[in-house]
Amino acid sequence: MHNLINQIKQSISLNYKILRIFKTKNSYFLLNILMKENFITDFEEIKENNKEFLLVYLNNIKKFKNIKIISKPGVRVYKKTTKNLKNFNIKKDLMILSTSKGIITNKKAKYLNIGGEILFYIS
């Protein structure tokens, strides 16, 4: 998951228009969220040599420069609910959480009143 975010961030800083990544279930769900929030233009599945990839069409939005990865392999960060987050503007910022309902945004987590592992946020 962190590798995908770093690849997107690096590709945008190098002004790439298309990015090819390995297809995983989590990357598919994360790209759906990023597409709904207008951080990427589109993505599609391709198959090469019996391996599945995702082609990601990038917007050159500089929002990815303000990305902060919260949970890391050595240090996991969990919140019971997203109601009481300090220094976080829920209307402007986007937080991605891994919950029992899947990978969702902070807005959906607040609506469902659930918490989970905070993967990263974009301010």
PDB file of N, CA and C in Angstrom:
ATOM      1  N   MET A   1       0.824  -1.191   0.000  1.00  0.00           N
ATOM      2  CA  MET A   1       0.000   0.000   0.000  1.00  0.00           C
ATOM      3  C   MET A   1       0.869   1.257   0.000  1.00  0.00           C
ATOM      4  N   HIS A   2       1.877   1.274   0.892  1.00  0.00           N
ATOM      5  CA  HIS A   2       2.749   2.444   0.951  1.00  0.00           C
ATOM      6  C   HIS A   2       3.571   2.577  -0.322  1.00  0.00           C
ATOM      7  N   ASN A   3       3.922   1.441  -0.899  1.00  0.00           N
ATOM      8  CA  ASN A   3       4.679   1.455  -2.148  1.00  0.00           C
ATOM      9  C   ASN A   3       3.866   2.118  -3.261  1.00  0.00           C
ATOM     10  N   LEU A   4       2.577   1.821  -3.322  1.00  0.00           N
ATOM     11  CA  LEU A   4       1.702   2.419  -4.334  1.00  0.00           C
ATOM     12  C   LEU A   4       1.638   3.935  -4.174  1.00  0.00           C
ATOM     13  N   ILE A   5       1.465   4.403  -2.958  1.00  0.00           N
ATOM     14  CA  ILE A   5       1.383   5.842  -2.706  1.00  0.00           C
ATOM     15  C   ILE A   5       2.696   6.527  -3.082  1.00  0.00           C
ATOM     16  N   ASN A   6       3.813   5.910  -2.718  1.00  0.00           N
ATOM     17  CA  ASN A   6       5.104   6.501  -3.065  1.00  0.00           C
ATOM     18  C   ASN A   6       5.340   6.502  -4.568  1.00  0.00           C
ATOM     19  N   GLN A   7       4.893   5.467  -5.272  1.00  0.00           N
ATOM     20  CA  GLN A   7       5.030   5.432  -6.726  1.00  0.00           C
ATOM     21  C   GLN A   7       4.209   6.537  -7.385  1.00  0.00           C
ATOM     22  N   ILE A   8       2.988   6.740  -6.914  1.00  0.00           N
ATOM     23  CA  ILE A   8       2.139   7.799  -7.472  1.00  0.00           C
ATOM     24  C   ILE A   8       2.752   9.168  -7.194  1.00  0.00           C
ATOM     25  N   LYS A   9       3.200   9.372  -5.968  1.00  0.00           N
ATOM     26  CA  LYS A   9       3.802  10.650  -5.589  1.00  0.00           C
ATOM     27  C   LYS A   9       5.053  10.938  -6.423  1.00  0.00           C
ATOM     28  N   GLN A  10       5.891   9.938  -6.610  1.00  0.00           N
ATOM     29  CA  GLN A  10       7.111  10.101  -7.401  1.00  0.00           C
ATOM     30  C   GLN A  10       6.789  10.357  -8.871  1.00  0.00           C
ATOM     31  N   SER A  11       5.802   9.648  -9.404  1.00  0.00           N
ATOM     32  CA  SER A  11       5.431   9.815 -10.810  1.00  0.00           C
ATOM     33  C   SER A  11       4.881  11.207 -11.081  1.00  0.00           C
ATOM     34  N   ILE A  12       4.114  11.746 -10.152  1.00  0.00           N
ATOM     35  CA  ILE A  12       3.578  13.096 -10.318  1.00  0.00           C
ATOM     36  C   ILE A  12       4.703  14.126 -10.255  1.00  0.00           C
ATOM     37  N   SER A  13       5.662  13.919  -9.359  1.00  0.00           N
ATOM     38  CA  SER A  13       6.768  14.880  -9.277  1.00  0.00           C
ATOM     39  C   SER A  13       7.643  14.850 -10.528  1.00  0.00           C
ATOM     40  N   LEU A  14       7.669  13.712 -11.241  1.00  0.00           N
ATOM     41  CA  LEU A  14       8.436  13.605 -12.485  1.00  0.00           C
ATOM     42  C   LEU A  14       7.589  13.891 -13.721  1.00  0.00           C
ATOM     43  N   ASN A  15       6.346  14.327 -13.516  1.00  0.00           N
ATOM     44  CA  ASN A  15       5.404  14.687 -14.587  1.00  0.00           C
ATOM     45  C   ASN A  15       5.072  13.523 -15.513  1.00  0.00           C
ATOM     46  N   TYR A  16       5.014  12.328 -14.966  1.00  0.00           N
ATOM     47  CA  TYR A  16       4.563  11.179 -15.752  1.00  0.00           C
ATOM     48  C   TYR A  16       3.051  11.239 -15.888  1.00  0.00           C
ATOM     49  N   LYS A  17       2.538  10.764 -16.999  1.00  0.00           N
ATOM     50  CA  LYS A  17       1.093  10.746 -17.233  1.00  0.00           C
ATOM     51  C   LYS A  17       0.483   9.382 -16.927  1.00  0.00           C
ATOM     52  N   ILE A  18       1.286   8.308 -17.078  1.00  0.00           N
ATOM     53  CA  ILE A  18       0.790   6.945 -16.884  1.00  0.00           C
ATOM     54  C   ILE A  18       1.748   6.199 -15.967  1.00  0.00           C
ATOM     55  N   LEU A  19       1.184   5.384 -15.088  1.00  0.00           N
ATOM     56  CA  LEU A  19       1.956   4.576 -14.158  1.00  0.00           C
ATOM     57  C   LEU A  19       1.454   3.143 -14.237  1.00  0.00           C
ATOM     58  N   ARG A  20       2.365   2.175 -14.263  1.00  0.00           N
ATOM     59  CA  ARG A  20       1.986   0.762 -14.293  1.00  0.00           C
ATOM     60  C   ARG A  20       2.392   0.119 -12.976  1.00  0.00           C
ATOM     61  N   ILE A  21       1.415  -0.506 -12.306  1.00  0.00           N
ATOM     62  CA  ILE A  21       1.672  -1.154 -11.024  1.00  0.00           C
ATOM     63  C   ILE A  21       1.082  -2.554 -11.044  1.00  0.00           C
ATOM     64  N   PHE A  22       1.553  -3.415 -10.127  1.00  0.00           N
ATOM     65  CA  PHE A  22       0.973  -4.743  -9.989  1.00  0.00           C
ATOM     66  C   PHE A  22      -0.431  -4.627  -9.408  1.00  0.00           C
ATOM     67  N   LYS A  23      -1.314  -5.493  -9.859  1.00  0.00           N
ATOM     68  CA  LYS A  23      -2.692  -5.473  -9.379  1.00  0.00           C
ATOM     69  C   LYS A  23      -2.797  -6.287  -8.097  1.00  0.00           C
ATOM     70  N   THR A  24      -3.298  -5.648  -7.063  1.00  0.00           N
ATOM     71  CA  THR A  24      -3.666  -6.320  -5.823  1.00  0.00           C
ATOM     72  C   THR A  24      -5.063  -5.846  -5.443  1.00  0.00           C
ATOM     73  N   LYS A  25      -5.669  -6.558  -4.537  1.00  0.00           N
ATOM     74  CA  LYS A  25      -7.017  -6.184  -4.111  1.00  0.00           C
ATOM     75  C   LYS A  25      -7.012  -4.809  -3.436  1.00  0.00           C
ATOM     76  N   ASN A  26      -6.036  -4.577  -2.576  1.00  0.00           N
ATOM     77  CA  ASN A  26      -5.970  -3.296  -1.867  1.00  0.00           C
ATOM     78  C   ASN A  26      -5.658  -2.139  -2.799  1.00  0.00           C
ATOM     79  N   SER A  27      -4.762  -2.356  -3.767  1.00  0.00           N
ATOM     80  CA  SER A  27      -4.445  -1.267  -4.695  1.00  0.00           C
ATOM     81  C   SER A  27      -5.654  -0.927  -5.557  1.00  0.00           C
ATOM     82  N   TYR A  28      -6.443  -1.933  -5.913  1.00  0.00           N
ATOM     83  CA  TYR A  28      -7.653  -1.697  -6.703  1.00  0.00           C
ATOM     84  C   TYR A  28      -8.643  -0.827  -5.923  1.00  0.00           C
ATOM     85  N   PHE A  29      -8.874  -1.154  -4.654  1.00  0.00           N
ATOM     86  CA  PHE A  29      -9.797  -0.371  -3.831  1.00  0.00           C
ATOM     87  C   PHE A  29      -9.265   1.043  -3.595  1.00  0.00           C
ATOM     88  N   LEU A  30      -7.967   1.160  -3.358  1.00  0.00           N
ATOM     89  CA  LEU A  30      -7.383   2.474  -3.125  1.00  0.00           C
ATOM     90  C   LEU A  30      -7.470   3.351  -4.370  1.00  0.00           C
ATOM     91  N   LEU A  31      -7.227   2.779  -5.536  1.00  0.00           N
ATOM     92  CA  LEU A  31      -7.323   3.556  -6.774  1.00  0.00           C
ATOM     93  C   LEU A  31      -8.759   3.984  -7.052  1.00  0.00           C
ATOM     94  N   ASN A  32      -9.737   3.154  -6.678  1.00  0.00           N
ATOM     95  CA  ASN A  32     -11.140   3.565  -6.801  1.00  0.00           C
ATOM     96  C   ASN A  32     -11.420   4.803  -5.954  1.00  0.00           C
ATOM     97  N   ILE A  33     -10.914   4.816  -4.735  1.00  0.00           N
ATOM     98  CA  ILE A  33     -11.117   5.967  -3.851  1.00  0.00           C
ATOM     99  C   ILE A  33     -10.433   7.204  -4.419  1.00  0.00           C
ATOM    100  N   LEU A  34      -9.190   7.053  -4.867  1.00  0.00           N
ATOM    101  CA  LEU A  34      -8.452   8.198  -5.407  1.00  0.00           C
ATOM    102  C   LEU A  34      -9.104   8.743  -6.670  1.00  0.00           C
ATOM    103  N   MET A  35      -9.736   7.867  -7.450  1.00  0.00           N
ATOM    104  CA  MET A  35     -10.422   8.326  -8.653  1.00  0.00           C
ATOM    105  C   MET A  35     -11.695   9.092  -8.286  1.00  0.00           C
ATOM    106  N   LYS A  36     -12.436   8.612  -7.289  1.00  0.00           N
ATOM    107  CA  LYS A  36     -13.651   9.316  -6.859  1.00  0.00           C
ATOM    108  C   LYS A  36     -13.334  10.689  -6.280  1.00  0.00           C
ATOM    109  N   GLU A  37     -12.169  10.809  -5.641  1.00  0.00           N
ATOM    110  CA  GLU A  37     -11.771  12.080  -5.028  1.00  0.00           C
ATOM    111  C   GLU A  37     -10.960  12.965  -5.977  1.00  0.00           C
ATOM    112  N   ASN A  38     -10.867  12.579  -7.264  1.00  0.00           N
ATOM    113  CA  ASN A  38     -10.190  13.344  -8.323  1.00  0.00           C
ATOM    114  C   ASN A  38      -8.688  13.514  -8.110  1.00  0.00           C
ATOM    115  N   PHE A  39      -8.040  12.523  -7.533  1.00  0.00           N
ATOM    116  CA  PHE A  39      -6.588  12.543  -7.427  1.00  0.00           C
ATOM    117  C   PHE A  39      -5.939  11.851  -8.618  1.00  0.00           C
ATOM    118  N   ILE A  40      -6.656  10.926  -9.254  1.00  0.00           N
ATOM    119  CA  ILE A  40      -6.192  10.316 -10.496  1.00  0.00           C
ATOM    120  C   ILE A  40      -7.319  10.419 -11.515  1.00  0.00           C
ATOM    121  N   THR A  41      -6.964  10.354 -12.802  1.00  0.00           N
ATOM    122  CA  THR A  41      -7.972  10.478 -13.849  1.00  0.00           C
ATOM    123  C   THR A  41      -8.738   9.185 -14.021  1.00  0.00           C
ATOM    124  N   ASP A  42      -8.008   8.084 -14.178  1.00  0.00           N
ATOM    125  CA  ASP A  42      -8.636   6.791 -14.434  1.00  0.00           C
ATOM    126  C   ASP A  42      -7.593   5.705 -14.236  1.00  0.00           C
ATOM    127  N   PHE A  43      -8.034   4.448 -14.238  1.00  0.00           N
ATOM    128  CA  PHE A  43      -7.120   3.318 -14.255  1.00  0.00           C
ATOM    129  C   PHE A  43      -7.796   2.160 -14.958  1.00  0.00           C
ATOM    130  N   GLU A  44      -6.974   1.262 -15.505  1.00  0.00           N
ATOM    131  CA  GLU A  44      -7.512   0.103 -16.201  1.00  0.00           C
ATOM    132  C   GLU A  44      -6.625  -1.102 -15.952  1.00  0.00           C
ATOM    133  N   GLU A  45      -7.224  -2.280 -16.087  1.00  0.00           N
ATOM    134  CA  GLU A  45      -6.503  -3.532 -15.891  1.00  0.00           C
ATOM    135  C   GLU A  45      -5.912  -4.002 -17.212  1.00  0.00           C
ATOM    136  N   ILE A  46      -4.673  -4.483 -17.157  1.00  0.00           N
ATOM    137  CA  ILE A  46      -4.052  -5.097 -18.324  1.00  0.00           C
ATOM    138  C   ILE A  46      -3.393  -6.398 -17.882  1.00  0.00           C
ATOM    139  N   LYS A  47      -3.158  -7.276 -18.835  1.00  0.00           N
ATOM    140  CA  LYS A  47      -2.529  -8.558 -18.543  1.00  0.00           C
ATOM    141  C   LYS A  47      -1.355  -8.743 -19.493  1.00  0.00           C
ATOM    142  N   GLU A  48      -0.172  -8.978 -18.938  1.00  0.00           N
ATOM    143  CA  GLU A  48       1.037  -9.216 -19.720  1.00  0.00           C
ATOM    144  C   GLU A  48       1.748 -10.437 -19.153  1.00  0.00           C
ATOM    145  N   ASN A  49       2.025 -11.407 -20.007  1.00  0.00           N
ATOM    146  CA  ASN A  49       2.759 -12.613 -19.601  1.00  0.00           C
ATOM    147  C   ASN A  49       2.154 -13.274 -18.359  1.00  0.00           C
ATOM    148  N   ASN A  50       0.838 -13.432 -18.350  1.00  0.00           N
ATOM    149  CA  ASN A  50       0.088 -14.044 -17.251  1.00  0.00           C
ATOM    150  C   ASN A  50       0.223 -13.290 -15.923  1.00  0.00           C
ATOM    151  N   LYS A  51       0.576 -12.030 -15.970  1.00  0.00           N
ATOM    152  CA  LYS A  51       0.624 -11.182 -14.780  1.00  0.00           C
ATOM    153  C   LYS A  51      -0.352 -10.039 -14.987  1.00  0.00           C
ATOM    154  N   GLU A  52      -1.050  -9.676 -13.919  1.00  0.00           N
ATOM    155  CA  GLU A  52      -2.038  -8.607 -14.005  1.00  0.00           C
ATOM    156  C   GLU A  52      -1.445  -7.305 -13.472  1.00  0.00           C
ATOM    157  N   PHE A  53      -1.670  -6.250 -14.229  1.00  0.00           N
ATOM    158  CA  PHE A  53      -1.195  -4.917 -13.872  1.00  0.00           C
ATOM    159  C   PHE A  53      -2.359  -3.938 -13.923  1.00  0.00           C
ATOM    160  N   LEU A  54      -2.142  -2.793 -13.318  1.00  0.00           N
ATOM    161  CA  LEU A  54      -3.077  -1.677 -13.417  1.00  0.00           C
ATOM    162  C   LEU A  54      -2.339  -0.502 -14.039  1.00  0.00           C
ATOM    163  N   LEU A  55      -2.925   0.068 -15.079  1.00  0.00           N
ATOM    164  CA  LEU A  55      -2.403   1.300 -15.667  1.00  0.00           C
ATOM    165  C   LEU A  55      -3.141   2.459 -15.019  1.00  0.00           C
ATOM    166  N   VAL A  56      -2.407   3.351 -14.386  1.00  0.00           N
ATOM    167  CA  VAL A  56      -2.992   4.479 -13.675  1.00  0.00           C
ATOM    168  C   VAL A  56      -2.716   5.738 -14.482  1.00  0.00           C
ATOM    169  N   TYR A  57      -3.784   6.454 -14.835  1.00  0.00           N
ATOM    170  CA  TYR A  57      -3.667   7.718 -15.562  1.00  0.00           C
ATOM    171  C   TYR A  57      -3.718   8.847 -14.540  1.00  0.00           C
ATOM    172  N   LEU A  58      -2.633   9.593 -14.472  1.00  0.00           N
ATOM    173  CA  LEU A  58      -2.453  10.560 -13.397  1.00  0.00           C
ATOM    174  C   LEU A  58      -2.897  11.958 -13.792  1.00  0.00           C
ATOM    175  N   ASN A  59      -3.482  12.661 -12.825  1.00  0.00           N
ATOM    176  CA  ASN A  59      -3.645  14.111 -12.919  1.00  0.00           C
ATOM    177  C   ASN A  59      -2.346  14.704 -12.408  1.00  0.00           C
ATOM    178  N   ASN A  60      -1.936  15.808 -12.927  1.00  0.00           N
ATOM    179  CA  ASN A  60      -0.761  16.476 -12.364  1.00  0.00           C
ATOM    180  C   ASN A  60      -1.194  17.412 -11.248  1.00  0.00           C
ATOM    181  N   ILE A  61      -1.869  16.850 -10.301  1.00  0.00           N
ATOM    182  CA  ILE A  61      -2.328  17.615  -9.149  1.00  0.00           C
ATOM    183  C   ILE A  61      -1.212  17.613  -8.116  1.00  0.00           C
ATOM    184  N   LYS A  62      -0.896  18.768  -7.616  1.00  0.00           N
ATOM    185  CA  LYS A  62       0.189  18.874  -6.648  1.00  0.00           C
ATOM    186  C   LYS A  62      -0.254  18.500  -5.239  1.00  0.00           C
ATOM    187  N   LYS A  63      -1.479  18.006  -5.095  1.00  0.00           N
ATOM    188  CA  LYS A  63      -1.962  17.616  -3.779  1.00  0.00           C
ATOM    189  C   LYS A  63      -1.155  16.457  -3.204  1.00  0.00           C
ATOM    190  N   PHE A  64      -0.595  15.631  -4.073  1.00  0.00           N
ATOM    191  CA  PHE A  64       0.159  14.486  -3.590  1.00  0.00           C
ATOM    192  C   PHE A  64       1.489  14.882  -2.962  1.00  0.00           C
ATOM    193  N   LYS A  65       1.872  16.130  -3.080  1.00  0.00           N
ATOM    194  CA  LYS A  65       3.090  16.567  -2.399  1.00  0.00           C
ATOM    195  C   LYS A  65       2.829  16.738  -0.910  1.00  0.00           C
ATOM    196  N   ASN A  66       1.574  16.893  -0.518  1.00  0.00           N
ATOM    197  CA  ASN A  66       1.212  17.079   0.883  1.00  0.00           C
ATOM    198  C   ASN A  66       0.649  15.798   1.473  1.00  0.00           C
ATOM    199  N   ILE A  67       1.280  14.682   1.174  1.00  0.00           N
ATOM    200  CA  ILE A  67       0.792  13.401   1.667  1.00  0.00           C
ATOM    201  C   ILE A  67       1.646  12.966   2.854  1.00  0.00           C
ATOM    202  N   LYS A  68       0.992  12.394   3.852  1.00  0.00           N
ATOM    203  CA  LYS A  68       1.688  11.942   5.050  1.00  0.00           C
ATOM    204  C   LYS A  68       1.265  10.513   5.339  1.00  0.00           C
ATOM    205  N   ILE A  69       2.225   9.597   5.291  1.00  0.00           N
ATOM    206  CA  ILE A  69       1.948   8.202   5.627  1.00  0.00           C
ATOM    207  C   ILE A  69       1.984   8.084   7.144  1.00  0.00           C
ATOM    208  N   ILE A  70       0.895   7.574   7.719  1.00  0.00           N
ATOM    209  CA  ILE A  70       0.766   7.509   9.172  1.00  0.00           C
ATOM    210  C   ILE A  70       1.204   6.138   9.691  1.00  0.00           C
ATOM    211  N   SER A  71       0.500   5.083   9.301  1.00  0.00           N
ATOM    212  CA  SER A  71       0.848   3.736   9.744  1.00  0.00           C
ATOM    213  C   SER A  71       1.982   3.195   8.897  1.00  0.00           C
ATOM    214  N   LYS A  72       2.980   2.686   9.575  1.00  0.00           N
ATOM    215  CA  LYS A  72       4.129   2.095   8.906  1.00  0.00           C
ATOM    216  C   LYS A  72       4.272   0.663   9.411  1.00  0.00           C
ATOM    217  N   PRO A  73       5.053  -0.161   8.740  1.00  0.00           N
ATOM    218  CA  PRO A  73       5.160  -1.559   9.177  1.00  0.00           C
ATOM    219  C   PRO A  73       5.584  -1.733  10.633  1.00  0.00           C
ATOM    220  N   GLY A  74       6.412  -0.860  11.156  1.00  0.00           N
ATOM    221  CA  GLY A  74       6.840  -0.991  12.546  1.00  0.00           C
ATOM    222  C   GLY A  74       5.914  -0.321  13.536  1.00  0.00           C
ATOM    223  N   VAL A  75       5.174   0.680  13.091  1.00  0.00           N
ATOM    224  CA  VAL A  75       4.304   1.458  13.982  1.00  0.00           C
ATOM    225  C   VAL A  75       2.935   1.588  13.329  1.00  0.00           C
ATOM    226  N   ARG A  76       1.961   0.913  13.889  1.00  0.00           N
ATOM    227  CA  ARG A  76       0.589   0.993  13.387  1.00  0.00           C
ATOM    228  C   ARG A  76      -0.187   1.994  14.235  1.00  0.00           C
ATOM    229  N   VAL A  77      -1.030   2.795  13.582  1.00  0.00           N
ATOM    230  CA  VAL A  77      -1.824   3.810  14.275  1.00  0.00           C
ATOM    231  C   VAL A  77      -3.292   3.496  14.051  1.00  0.00           C
ATOM    232  N   TYR A  78      -4.032   3.331  15.157  1.00  0.00           N
ATOM    233  CA  TYR A  78      -5.449   2.994  15.094  1.00  0.00           C
ATOM    234  C   TYR A  78      -6.269   4.073  15.787  1.00  0.00           C
ATOM    235  N   LYS A  79      -7.480   4.295  15.300  1.00  0.00           N
ATOM    236  CA  LYS A  79      -8.447   5.177  15.951  1.00  0.00           C
ATOM    237  C   LYS A  79      -9.765   4.430  16.059  1.00  0.00           C
ATOM    238  N   LYS A  80     -10.424   4.576  17.189  1.00  0.00           N
ATOM    239  CA  LYS A  80     -11.722   3.918  17.357  1.00  0.00           C
ATOM    240  C   LYS A  80     -12.775   4.555  16.472  1.00  0.00           C
ATOM    241  N   THR A  81     -12.813   5.873  16.452  1.00  0.00           N
ATOM    242  CA  THR A  81     -13.700   6.599  15.541  1.00  0.00           C
ATOM    243  C   THR A  81     -12.931   7.790  14.993  1.00  0.00           C
ATOM    244  N   THR A  82     -13.444   8.379  13.938  1.00  0.00           N
ATOM    245  CA  THR A  82     -12.752   9.523  13.328  1.00  0.00           C
ATOM    246  C   THR A  82     -13.317  10.855  13.810  1.00  0.00           C
ATOM    247  N   LYS A  83     -14.089  10.843  14.874  1.00  0.00           N
ATOM    248  CA  LYS A  83     -14.727  12.075  15.332  1.00  0.00           C
ATOM    249  C   LYS A  83     -13.752  13.033  16.010  1.00  0.00           C
ATOM    250  N   ASN A  84     -12.804  12.510  16.770  1.00  0.00           N
ATOM    251  CA  ASN A  84     -11.953  13.385  17.583  1.00  0.00           C
ATOM    252  C   ASN A  84     -10.498  13.367  17.106  1.00  0.00           C
ATOM    253  N   LEU A  85     -10.283  13.745  15.875  1.00  0.00           N
ATOM    254  CA  LEU A  85      -8.923  13.826  15.349  1.00  0.00           C
ATOM    255  C   LEU A  85      -8.412  15.256  15.471  1.00  0.00           C
ATOM    256  N   LYS A  86      -7.267  15.428  16.110  1.00  0.00           N
ATOM    257  CA  LYS A  86      -6.686  16.757  16.287  1.00  0.00           C
ATOM    258  C   LYS A  86      -5.900  17.143  15.038  1.00  0.00           C
ATOM    259  N   ASN A  87      -5.837  18.416  14.773  1.00  0.00           N
ATOM    260  CA  ASN A  87      -5.071  18.983  13.648  1.00  0.00           C
ATOM    261  C   ASN A  87      -5.474  18.378  12.309  1.00  0.00           C
ATOM    262  N   PHE A  88      -6.737  18.107  12.148  1.00  0.00           N
ATOM    263  CA  PHE A  88      -7.203  17.504  10.905  1.00  0.00           C
ATOM    264  C   PHE A  88      -8.484  18.194  10.481  1.00  0.00           C
ATOM    265  N   ASN A  89      -8.476  18.810   9.306  1.00  0.00           N
ATOM    266  CA  ASN A  89      -9.645  19.494   8.773  1.00  0.00           C
ATOM    267  C   ASN A  89     -10.442  18.490   7.943  1.00  0.00           C
ATOM    268  N   ILE A  90     -11.550  18.017   8.474  1.00  0.00           N
ATOM    269  CA  ILE A  90     -12.309  16.947   7.824  1.00  0.00           C
ATOM    270  C   ILE A  90     -12.934  17.397   6.510  1.00  0.00           C
ATOM    271  N   LYS A  91     -13.146  18.702   6.329  1.00  0.00           N
ATOM    272  CA  LYS A  91     -13.748  19.177   5.081  1.00  0.00           C
ATOM    273  C   LYS A  91     -12.715  19.320   3.967  1.00  0.00           C
ATOM    274  N   LYS A  92     -11.471  19.648   4.309  1.00  0.00           N
ATOM    275  CA  LYS A  92     -10.445  19.866   3.294  1.00  0.00           C
ATOM    276  C   LYS A  92      -9.555  18.649   3.078  1.00  0.00           C
ATOM    277  N   ASP A  93      -9.222  17.952   4.140  1.00  0.00           N
ATOM    278  CA  ASP A  93      -8.245  16.877   4.070  1.00  0.00           C
ATOM    279  C   ASP A  93      -8.914  15.532   3.816  1.00  0.00           C
ATOM    280  N   LEU A  94      -8.153  14.616   3.253  1.00  0.00           N
ATOM    281  CA  LEU A  94      -8.643  13.272   2.964  1.00  0.00           C
ATOM    282  C   LEU A  94      -7.786  12.273   3.718  1.00  0.00           C
ATOM    283  N   MET A  95      -8.432  11.417   4.494  1.00  0.00           N
ATOM    284  CA  MET A  95      -7.732  10.380   5.231  1.00  0.00           C
ATOM    285  C   MET A  95      -8.208   9.028   4.723  1.00  0.00           C
ATOM    286  N   ILE A  96      -7.288   8.100   4.545  1.00  0.00           N
ATOM    287  CA  ILE A  96      -7.610   6.753   4.095  1.00  0.00           C
ATOM    288  C   ILE A  96      -7.400   5.807   5.265  1.00  0.00           C
ATOM    289  N   LEU A  97      -8.432   5.019   5.563  1.00  0.00           N
ATOM    290  CA  LEU A  97      -8.384   4.076   6.672  1.00  0.00           C
ATOM    291  C   LEU A  97      -8.617   2.656   6.178  1.00  0.00           C
ATOM    292  N   SER A  98      -7.999   1.718   6.860  1.00  0.00           N
ATOM    293  CA  SER A  98      -8.258   0.307   6.629  1.00  0.00           C
ATOM    294  C   SER A  98      -9.150  -0.165   7.770  1.00  0.00           C
ATOM    295  N   THR A  99     -10.381  -0.539   7.452  1.00  0.00           N
ATOM    296  CA  THR A  99     -11.361  -0.906   8.468  1.00  0.00           C
ATOM    297  C   THR A  99     -11.889  -2.307   8.205  1.00  0.00           C
ATOM    298  N   SER A 100     -12.802  -2.724   9.050  1.00  0.00           N
ATOM    299  CA  SER A 100     -13.458  -4.014   8.839  1.00  0.00           C
ATOM    300  C   SER A 100     -14.369  -3.980   7.618  1.00  0.00           C
ATOM    301  N   LYS A 101     -14.736  -2.788   7.163  1.00  0.00           N
ATOM    302  CA  LYS A 101     -15.565  -2.619   5.964  1.00  0.00           C
ATOM    303  C   LYS A 101     -14.721  -2.444   4.705  1.00  0.00           C
ATOM    304  N   GLY A 102     -13.408  -2.531   4.820  1.00  0.00           N
ATOM    305  CA  GLY A 102     -12.514  -2.360   3.683  1.00  0.00           C
ATOM    306  C   GLY A 102     -11.756  -1.050   3.789  1.00  0.00           C
ATOM    307  N   ILE A 103     -11.122  -0.655   2.717  1.00  0.00           N
ATOM    308  CA  ILE A 103     -10.380   0.601   2.674  1.00  0.00           C
ATOM    309  C   ILE A 103     -11.363   1.709   2.316  1.00  0.00           C
ATOM    310  N   ILE A 104     -11.508   2.674   3.234  1.00  0.00           N
ATOM    311  CA  ILE A 104     -12.499   3.729   3.051  1.00  0.00           C
ATOM    312  C   ILE A 104     -11.898   5.079   3.429  1.00  0.00           C
ATOM    313  N   THR A 105     -12.622   6.146   3.106  1.00  0.00           N
ATOM    314  CA  THR A 105     -12.189   7.499   3.457  1.00  0.00           C
ATOM    315  C   THR A 105     -12.686   7.853   4.853  1.00  0.00           C
ATOM    316  N   ASN A 106     -12.164   8.953   5.380  1.00  0.00           N
ATOM    317  CA  ASN A 106     -12.593   9.418   6.694  1.00  0.00           C
ATOM    318  C   ASN A 106     -14.058   9.833   6.696  1.00  0.00           C
ATOM    319  N   LYS A 107     -14.551  10.339   5.569  1.00  0.00           N
ATOM    320  CA  LYS A 107     -15.951  10.767   5.500  1.00  0.00           C
ATOM    321  C   LYS A 107     -16.893   9.578   5.646  1.00  0.00           C
ATOM    322  N   LYS A 108     -16.564   8.486   4.957  1.00  0.00           N
ATOM    323  CA  LYS A 108     -17.400   7.297   5.051  1.00  0.00           C
ATOM    324  C   LYS A 108     -17.273   6.657   6.429  1.00  0.00           C
ATOM    325  N   ALA A 109     -16.074   6.689   7.007  1.00  0.00           N
ATOM    326  CA  ALA A 109     -15.876   6.135   8.347  1.00  0.00           C
ATOM    327  C   ALA A 109     -16.675   6.925   9.378  1.00  0.00           C
ATOM    328  N   LYS A 110     -16.727   8.237   9.210  1.00  0.00           N
ATOM    329  CA  LYS A 110     -17.515   9.060  10.135  1.00  0.00           C
ATOM    330  C   LYS A 110     -18.998   8.761   9.972  1.00  0.00           C
ATOM    331  N   TYR A 111     -19.443   8.578   8.722  1.00  0.00           N
ATOM    332  CA  TYR A 111     -20.841   8.255   8.461  1.00  0.00           C
ATOM    333  C   TYR A 111     -21.207   6.899   9.069  1.00  0.00           C
ATOM    334  N   LEU A 112     -20.316   5.915   8.939  1.00  0.00           N
ATOM    335  CA  LEU A 112     -20.569   4.579   9.480  1.00  0.00           C
ATOM    336  C   LEU A 112     -20.242   4.472  10.965  1.00  0.00           C
ATOM    337  N   ASN A 113     -19.600   5.522  11.525  1.00  0.00           N
ATOM    338  CA  ASN A 113     -19.194   5.567  12.924  1.00  0.00           C
ATOM    339  C   ASN A 113     -18.279   4.392  13.282  1.00  0.00           C
ATOM    340  N   ILE A 114     -17.272   4.178  12.436  1.00  0.00           N
ATOM    341  CA  ILE A 114     -16.297   3.124  12.702  1.00  0.00           C
ATOM    342  C   ILE A 114     -14.898   3.714  12.624  1.00  0.00           C
ATOM    343  N   GLY A 115     -13.955   3.018  13.187  1.00  0.00           N
ATOM    344  CA  GLY A 115     -12.559   3.413  13.142  1.00  0.00           C
ATOM    345  C   GLY A 115     -11.740   2.343  12.459  1.00  0.00           C
ATOM    346  N   GLY A 116     -10.447   2.489  12.530  1.00  0.00           N
ATOM    347  CA  GLY A 116      -9.561   1.512  11.923  1.00  0.00           C
ATOM    348  C   GLY A 116      -8.135   2.016  11.896  1.00  0.00           C
ATOM    349  N   GLU A 117      -7.327   1.362  11.095  1.00  0.00           N
ATOM    350  CA  GLU A 117      -5.930   1.753  10.959  1.00  0.00           C
ATOM    351  C   GLU A 117      -5.828   2.924   9.985  1.00  0.00           C
ATOM    352  N   ILE A 118      -5.206   3.999  10.418  1.00  0.00           N
ATOM    353  CA  ILE A 118      -5.030   5.172   9.569  1.00  0.00           C
ATOM    354  C   ILE A 118      -3.815   4.925   8.691  1.00  0.00           C
ATOM    355  N   LEU A 119      -4.042   4.769   7.394  1.00  0.00           N
ATOM    356  CA  LEU A 119      -2.948   4.485   6.474  1.00  0.00           C
ATOM    357  C   LEU A 119      -2.180   5.752   6.121  1.00  0.00           C
ATOM    358  N   PHE A 120      -2.887   6.771   5.623  1.00  0.00           N
ATOM    359  CA  PHE A 120      -2.246   8.030   5.261  1.00  0.00           C
ATOM    360  C   PHE A 120      -3.303   9.105   5.130  1.00  0.00           C
ATOM    361  N   TYR A 121      -2.857  10.353   5.040  1.00  0.00           N
ATOM    362  CA  TYR A 121      -3.786  11.434   4.736  1.00  0.00           C
ATOM    363  C   TYR A 121      -3.147  12.405   3.761  1.00  0.00           C
ATOM    364  N   ILE A 122      -4.011  13.076   3.025  1.00  0.00           N
ATOM    365  CA  ILE A 122      -3.603  14.064   2.040  1.00  0.00           C
ATOM    366  C   ILE A 122      -4.221  15.390   2.455  1.00  0.00           C
ATOM    367  N   SER A 123      -3.367  16.400   2.678  1.00  0.00           N
ATOM    368  CA  SER A 123      -3.889  17.704   3.105  1.00  0.00           C
ATOM    369  C   SER A 123      -3.696  18.736   2.023  1.00  0.00           C
TER     370      SER A 123
END
